[in-house]
Amino acid sequence: IEEIETRREEEEAMREPVLDVMDFGDEIVVVAEIPGVSKEDIDVSATERRLTIRAKPYSAKVDLPAEVRPEGAKATYSNGILEVRLPKKEGKRAEVREKKVKVE
């Protein structure tokens, strides 16, 4: 029971960052405000239709407006702002696979 309560407290302590999702035609750009965290503590992963960001105390799952190529994603973090660029997918649909995105 203590483990369940601890997990619930951790989930309640997580905050959703301020997000902006932009479609620039050939890529989707997601900008998240996550001040006060170090680059090394940011965990970003992507699938064709979803971006997941974790950086205590922040956590967000973003449904993307178009299919993207997760293997081409690039992320940068500076002055509390995380920017993730995801190139749009062309052609036929493929199976959903999650891909870690290195934050630079």
Protein backbone atom coordinates (compact mmCIF):
# COMPACT_ATOMS: atom_id res chain seq x y z
CA ILE A 1 0.00 0.00 0.00
CA GLU A 2 2.86 2.37 0.78
CA GLU A 3 4.29 1.82 -2.71
CA ILE A 4 0.95 2.73 -4.31
CA GLU A 5 0.67 5.88 -2.17
CA THR A 6 4.25 6.90 -3.04
CA ARG A 7 3.58 6.42 -6.76
CA ARG A 8 0.37 8.48 -6.51
CA GLU A 9 2.21 11.28 -4.68
CA GLU A 10 4.88 11.32 -7.42
CA GLU A 11 2.24 11.49 -10.15
CA GLU A 12 0.42 14.33 -8.36
CA ALA A 13 3.73 16.21 -8.01
CA MET A 14 4.26 16.15 -11.80
CA ARG A 15 3.25 19.29 -13.68
CA GLU A 16 2.33 19.67 -17.32
CA PRO A 17 4.58 22.26 -19.00
CA VAL A 18 3.28 25.12 -21.13
CA LEU A 19 3.34 23.72 -24.68
CA ASP A 20 3.05 25.07 -28.20
CA VAL A 21 2.65 22.73 -31.20
CA MET A 22 3.31 24.21 -34.64
CA ASP A 23 2.91 22.67 -38.10
CA PHE A 24 5.39 24.12 -40.61
CA GLY A 25 4.41 21.97 -43.57
CA ASP A 26 7.39 19.63 -43.67
CA GLU A 27 7.88 19.36 -39.91
CA ILE A 28 6.08 19.60 -36.58
CA VAL A 29 7.75 21.74 -33.91
CA VAL A 30 6.86 21.35 -30.23
CA VAL A 31 8.09 24.00 -27.78
CA ALA A 32 7.83 23.32 -24.03
CA GLU A 33 8.63 25.64 -21.13
CA ILE A 34 10.47 23.53 -18.54
CA PRO A 35 12.60 25.94 -16.49
CA GLY A 36 14.86 24.80 -13.70
CA VAL A 37 15.87 21.41 -15.07
CA SER A 38 19.21 20.34 -16.48
CA LYS A 39 19.52 19.03 -20.02
CA GLU A 40 20.72 15.66 -18.71
CA ASP A 41 17.47 15.18 -16.76
CA ILE A 42 15.21 15.60 -19.80
CA ASP A 43 13.78 12.43 -21.33
CA VAL A 44 12.15 12.86 -24.76
CA SER A 45 10.71 10.05 -26.88
CA ALA A 46 8.53 10.01 -29.97
CA THR A 47 6.33 7.73 -32.03
CA GLU A 48 4.74 8.54 -35.37
CA ARG A 49 1.80 10.26 -33.62
CA ARG A 50 2.93 11.15 -30.08
CA LEU A 51 5.72 13.01 -28.31
CA THR A 52 6.49 12.29 -24.64
CA ILE A 53 8.48 14.70 -22.47
CA ARG A 54 9.64 13.92 -18.92
CA ALA A 55 11.80 16.19 -16.78
CA LYS A 56 10.90 16.28 -13.08
CA PRO A 57 8.68 17.96 -12.10
CA TYR A 58 7.32 18.18 -15.67
CA SER A 59 5.62 15.52 -17.74
CA ALA A 60 3.62 15.73 -20.98
CA LYS A 61 2.27 13.51 -23.74
CA VAL A 62 1.53 15.42 -26.93
CA ASP A 63 -0.68 14.00 -29.67
CA LEU A 64 0.83 15.26 -32.91
CA PRO A 65 -1.34 16.74 -35.71
CA ALA A 66 0.38 14.62 -38.41
CA GLU A 67 2.51 11.49 -38.67
CA VAL A 68 6.22 12.13 -38.18
CA ARG A 69 9.50 10.26 -38.58
CA PRO A 70 10.71 9.80 -34.97
CA GLU A 71 14.17 8.70 -36.11
CA GLY A 72 14.70 12.18 -37.61
CA ALA A 73 13.65 14.11 -34.49
CA LYS A 74 16.01 16.69 -33.00
CA ALA A 75 15.68 18.38 -29.61
CA THR A 76 17.45 21.41 -28.14
CA TYR A 77 17.21 22.91 -24.65
CA SER A 78 18.26 26.44 -23.74
CA ASN A 79 17.17 28.93 -21.06
CA GLY A 80 14.31 26.72 -19.85
CA ILE A 81 12.87 26.16 -23.34
CA LEU A 82 12.81 22.71 -24.95
CA GLU A 83 12.30 22.68 -28.72
CA VAL A 84 11.64 19.38 -30.51
CA ARG A 85 11.61 19.28 -34.33
CA LEU A 86 9.96 16.25 -35.93
CA PRO A 87 10.07 15.81 -39.71
CA LYS A 88 6.74 14.79 -41.21
CA LYS A 89 6.36 11.32 -42.63
CA GLU A 90 5.86 10.85 -46.36
CA GLY A 91 4.18 7.92 -48.08
CA LYS A 92 2.58 4.85 -46.57
CA ARG A 93 2.00 4.19 -42.87
CA ALA A 94 4.44 2.08 -40.95
CA GLU A 95 4.15 0.29 -37.62
CA VAL A 96 4.35 2.39 -34.46
CA ARG A 97 7.77 2.35 -32.79
CA GLU A 98 8.97 4.59 -30.01
CA LYS A 99 12.31 6.38 -30.52
CA LYS A 100 14.36 8.18 -27.88
CA VAL A 101 15.35 11.73 -28.84
CA LYS A 102 18.70 13.09 -27.62
CA VAL A 103 18.44 16.59 -26.13
CA GLU A 104 21.26 18.91 -27.16
